[in-house]
């Protein structure tokens, strides 16, 4: 009887553990996660004259390009390109639909590492 109890309890815990196992989540590289932060809303909300470079990094992540200027200031460039594609299948044929979006942000800092000027361009086609 004791052996039967052990088998029933062991089988119960095995069933419980298998119910907790989920399909593995997709791993998104950290640079891709940072790139997802570069949105027009984040730029307009955070990147304003007087914001610190720490504020900008917190909102947008690391820039793609950093340039040191002759006067001791820096210019940061964020450049994001995203493409989406979808195939819609009908009864006898299908249609491929795709779109591309770009977002370029140029931030000029003053000598105290605060935003002096920000320019951005967003396109969608």
C-alpha atoms as a PDB file:
ATOM      1  CA  UNK A   1       0.000   0.000   0.000  1.00  0.00           C
ATOM      2  CA  UNK A   2       2.875   2.366   0.810  1.00  0.00           C
ATOM      3  CA  UNK A   3       4.367   1.804  -2.665  1.00  0.00           C
ATOM      4  CA  UNK A   4       1.027   2.689  -4.252  1.00  0.00           C
ATOM      5  CA  UNK A   5       0.858   5.973  -2.283  1.00  0.00           C
ATOM      6  CA  UNK A   6       4.383   6.916  -3.386  1.00  0.00           C
ATOM      7  CA  UNK A   7       3.508   6.209  -7.031  1.00  0.00           C
ATOM      8  CA  UNK A   8       0.300   8.253  -6.852  1.00  0.00           C
ATOM      9  CA  UNK A   9       2.058  11.198  -5.147  1.00  0.00           C
ATOM     10  CA  UNK A  10       4.987  10.986  -7.584  1.00  0.00           C
ATOM     11  CA  UNK A  11       2.618  10.887 -10.552  1.00  0.00           C
ATOM     12  CA  UNK A  12       0.701  13.900  -9.182  1.00  0.00           C
ATOM     13  CA  UNK A  13       3.870  16.005  -8.845  1.00  0.00           C
ATOM     14  CA  UNK A  14       5.015  14.965 -12.327  1.00  0.00           C
ATOM     15  CA  UNK A  15       1.668  16.091 -13.750  1.00  0.00           C
ATOM     16  CA  UNK A  16       1.871  19.345 -11.776  1.00  0.00           C
ATOM     17  CA  UNK A  17       5.387  20.093 -13.044  1.00  0.00           C
ATOM     18  CA  UNK A  18       4.499  19.331 -16.662  1.00  0.00           C
ATOM     19  CA  UNK A  19       1.562  21.745 -16.414  1.00  0.00           C
ATOM     20  CA  UNK A  20       3.953  24.522 -15.361  1.00  0.00           C
ATOM     21  CA  UNK A  21       6.311  24.066 -18.310  1.00  0.00           C
ATOM     22  CA  UNK A  22       5.617  26.612 -21.038  1.00  0.00           C
ATOM     23  CA  UNK A  23       6.882  27.056 -24.548  1.00  0.00           C
ATOM     24  CA  UNK A  24      10.152  29.020 -24.555  1.00  0.00           C
ATOM     25  CA  UNK A  25       9.810  32.758 -25.051  1.00  0.00           C
ATOM     26  CA  UNK A  26      11.455  34.394 -28.039  1.00  0.00           C
ATOM     27  CA  UNK A  27      14.725  36.010 -27.052  1.00  0.00           C
ATOM     28  CA  UNK A  28      15.039  39.583 -28.290  1.00  0.00           C
ATOM     29  CA  UNK A  29      18.602  40.902 -28.500  1.00  0.00           C
ATOM     30  CA  UNK A  30      19.223  43.857 -26.187  1.00  0.00           C
ATOM     31  CA  UNK A  31      19.990  46.208 -29.081  1.00  0.00           C
ATOM     32  CA  UNK A  32      16.616  45.388 -30.613  1.00  0.00           C
ATOM     33  CA  UNK A  33      14.907  46.185 -27.317  1.00  0.00           C
ATOM     34  CA  UNK A  34      16.726  49.540 -27.200  1.00  0.00           C
ATOM     35  CA  UNK A  35      15.676  50.275 -30.766  1.00  0.00           C
ATOM     36  CA  UNK A  36      12.035  49.766 -29.803  1.00  0.00           C
ATOM     37  CA  UNK A  37      12.376  52.718 -27.401  1.00  0.00           C
ATOM     38  CA  UNK A  38      13.023  55.135 -30.275  1.00  0.00           C
ATOM     39  CA  UNK A  39       9.505  56.406 -30.920  1.00  0.00           C
ATOM     40  CA  UNK A  40       8.193  59.831 -31.833  1.00  0.00           C
ATOM     41  CA  UNK A  41       6.303  59.932 -28.527  1.00  0.00           C
ATOM     42  CA  UNK A  42       9.458  59.280 -26.460  1.00  0.00           C
ATOM     43  CA  UNK A  43      11.407  61.884 -28.419  1.00  0.00           C
ATOM     44  CA  UNK A  44       8.740  64.553 -28.001  1.00  0.00           C
ATOM     45  CA  UNK A  45       8.159  63.742 -24.329  1.00  0.00           C
ATOM     46  CA  UNK A  46      11.736  63.482 -23.054  1.00  0.00           C
ATOM     47  CA  UNK A  47      14.177  65.038 -25.500  1.00  0.00           C
ATOM     48  CA  UNK A  48      13.638  68.728 -24.808  1.00  0.00           C
ATOM     49  CA  UNK A  49      16.034  71.618 -24.432  1.00  0.00           C
ATOM     50  CA  UNK A  50      17.799  71.279 -21.079  1.00  0.00           C
ATOM     51  CA  UNK A  51      17.335  67.509 -20.696  1.00  0.00           C
ATOM     52  CA  UNK A  52      20.475  65.648 -19.583  1.00  0.00           C
ATOM     53  CA  UNK A  53      22.198  62.997 -21.650  1.00  0.00           C
ATOM     54  CA  UNK A  54      21.241  60.518 -18.883  1.00  0.00           C
ATOM     55  CA  UNK A  55      17.558  61.421 -19.442  1.00  0.00           C
ATOM     56  CA  UNK A  56      17.965  60.783 -23.166  1.00  0.00           C
ATOM     57  CA  UNK A  57      19.727  57.431 -22.664  1.00  0.00           C
ATOM     58  CA  UNK A  58      17.005  56.392 -20.222  1.00  0.00           C
ATOM     59  CA  UNK A  59      14.307  57.181 -22.777  1.00  0.00           C
ATOM     60  CA  UNK A  60      15.947  56.127 -26.053  1.00  0.00           C
ATOM     61  CA  UNK A  61      18.890  53.901 -25.136  1.00  0.00           C
ATOM     62  CA  UNK A  62      22.377  54.274 -26.574  1.00  0.00           C
ATOM     63  CA  UNK A  63      22.777  56.353 -29.742  1.00  0.00           C
ATOM     64  CA  UNK A  64      23.903  54.854 -33.050  1.00  0.00           C
ATOM     65  CA  UNK A  65      26.432  57.636 -33.705  1.00  0.00           C
ATOM     66  CA  UNK A  66      28.231  60.017 -31.331  1.00  0.00           C
ATOM     67  CA  UNK A  67      30.236  62.902 -32.757  1.00  0.00           C
ATOM     68  CA  UNK A  68      32.636  65.104 -30.783  1.00  0.00           C
ATOM     69  CA  UNK A  69      32.522  68.660 -32.062  1.00  0.00           C
ATOM     70  CA  UNK A  70      35.444  71.123 -32.135  1.00  0.00           C
ATOM     71  CA  UNK A  71      33.866  73.285 -29.432  1.00  0.00           C
ATOM     72  CA  UNK A  72      33.825  70.388 -26.925  1.00  0.00           C
ATOM     73  CA  UNK A  73      30.156  69.506 -27.383  1.00  0.00           C
ATOM     74  CA  UNK A  74      28.638  66.286 -28.681  1.00  0.00           C
ATOM     75  CA  UNK A  75      26.022  65.406 -31.281  1.00  0.00           C
ATOM     76  CA  UNK A  76      24.125  62.129 -30.960  1.00  0.00           C
ATOM     77  CA  UNK A  77      22.246  60.420 -33.782  1.00  0.00           C
ATOM     78  CA  UNK A  78      19.582  57.759 -33.401  1.00  0.00           C
ATOM     79  CA  UNK A  79      18.637  55.968 -36.609  1.00  0.00           C
ATOM     80  CA  UNK A  80      15.865  53.369 -36.657  1.00  0.00           C
ATOM     81  CA  UNK A  81      14.520  51.491 -39.651  1.00  0.00           C
ATOM     82  CA  UNK A  82      11.753  48.935 -39.307  1.00  0.00           C
ATOM     83  CA  UNK A  83      10.028  46.835 -41.933  1.00  0.00           C
ATOM     84  CA  UNK A  84       6.894  44.766 -41.660  1.00  0.00           C
ATOM     85  CA  UNK A  85       5.541  42.239 -44.121  1.00  0.00           C
ATOM     86  CA  UNK A  86       2.297  40.312 -44.153  1.00  0.00           C
ATOM     87  CA  UNK A  87       0.848  37.805 -46.553  1.00  0.00           C
ATOM     88  CA  UNK A  88      -2.942  37.792 -46.789  1.00  0.00           C
ATOM     89  CA  UNK A  89      -4.286  34.634 -48.396  1.00  0.00           C
ATOM     90  CA  UNK A  90      -7.580  34.697 -50.213  1.00  0.00           C
ATOM     91  CA  UNK A  91      -9.666  31.835 -51.621  1.00  0.00           C
ATOM     92  CA  UNK A  92      -7.572  31.362 -54.751  1.00  0.00           C
ATOM     93  CA  UNK A  93      -4.605  33.737 -54.363  1.00  0.00           C
ATOM     94  CA  UNK A  94      -2.806  35.939 -51.901  1.00  0.00           C
ATOM     95  CA  UNK A  95      -1.460  39.443 -51.549  1.00  0.00           C
ATOM     96  CA  UNK A  96       1.825  40.491 -49.956  1.00  0.00           C
ATOM     97  CA  UNK A  97       1.635  43.760 -48.042  1.00  0.00           C
ATOM     98  CA  UNK A  98       4.744  45.472 -46.688  1.00  0.00           C
ATOM     99  CA  UNK A  99       5.615  48.764 -45.044  1.00  0.00           C
ATOM    100  CA  UNK A 100       8.806  50.489 -43.976  1.00  0.00           C
ATOM    101  CA  UNK A 101       9.267  53.144 -41.311  1.00  0.00           C
ATOM    102  CA  UNK A 102      12.278  55.240 -40.472  1.00  0.00           C
ATOM    103  CA  UNK A 103      13.016  57.497 -37.521  1.00  0.00           C
ATOM    104  CA  UNK A 104      16.111  59.696 -37.395  1.00  0.00           C
ATOM    105  CA  UNK A 105      16.823  61.820 -34.332  1.00  0.00           C
ATOM    106  CA  UNK A 106      19.740  64.271 -34.119  1.00  0.00           C
ATOM    107  CA  UNK A 107      20.490  65.732 -30.687  1.00  0.00           C
ATOM    108  CA  UNK A 108      23.051  68.496 -30.121  1.00  0.00           C
ATOM    109  CA  UNK A 109      24.334  68.934 -26.572  1.00  0.00           C
ATOM    110  CA  UNK A 110      25.889  71.972 -24.926  1.00  0.00           C
ATOM    111  CA  UNK A 111      29.146  71.868 -22.942  1.00  0.00           C
ATOM    112  CA  UNK A 112      27.313  70.793 -19.783  1.00  0.00           C
ATOM    113  CA  UNK A 113      25.867  67.706 -21.578  1.00  0.00           C
ATOM    114  CA  UNK A 114      22.351  69.111 -21.756  1.00  0.00           C
ATOM    115  CA  UNK A 115      20.179  69.086 -24.863  1.00  0.00           C
ATOM    116  CA  UNK A 116      20.660  72.286 -26.814  1.00  0.00           C
ATOM    117  CA  UNK A 117      18.774  71.336 -29.972  1.00  0.00           C
ATOM    118  CA  UNK A 118      16.803  68.340 -31.232  1.00  0.00           C
ATOM    119  CA  UNK A 119      15.711  67.527 -34.765  1.00  0.00           C
ATOM    120  CA  UNK A 120      13.821  64.457 -35.928  1.00  0.00           C
ATOM    121  CA  UNK A 121      12.356  63.011 -39.086  1.00  0.00           C
ATOM    122  CA  UNK A 122       9.891  60.170 -39.338  1.00  0.00           C
ATOM    123  CA  UNK A 123       8.820  58.542 -42.594  1.00  0.00           C
ATOM    124  CA  UNK A 124       6.452  55.735 -43.447  1.00  0.00           C
ATOM    125  CA  UNK A 125       5.997  54.124 -46.847  1.00  0.00           C
END
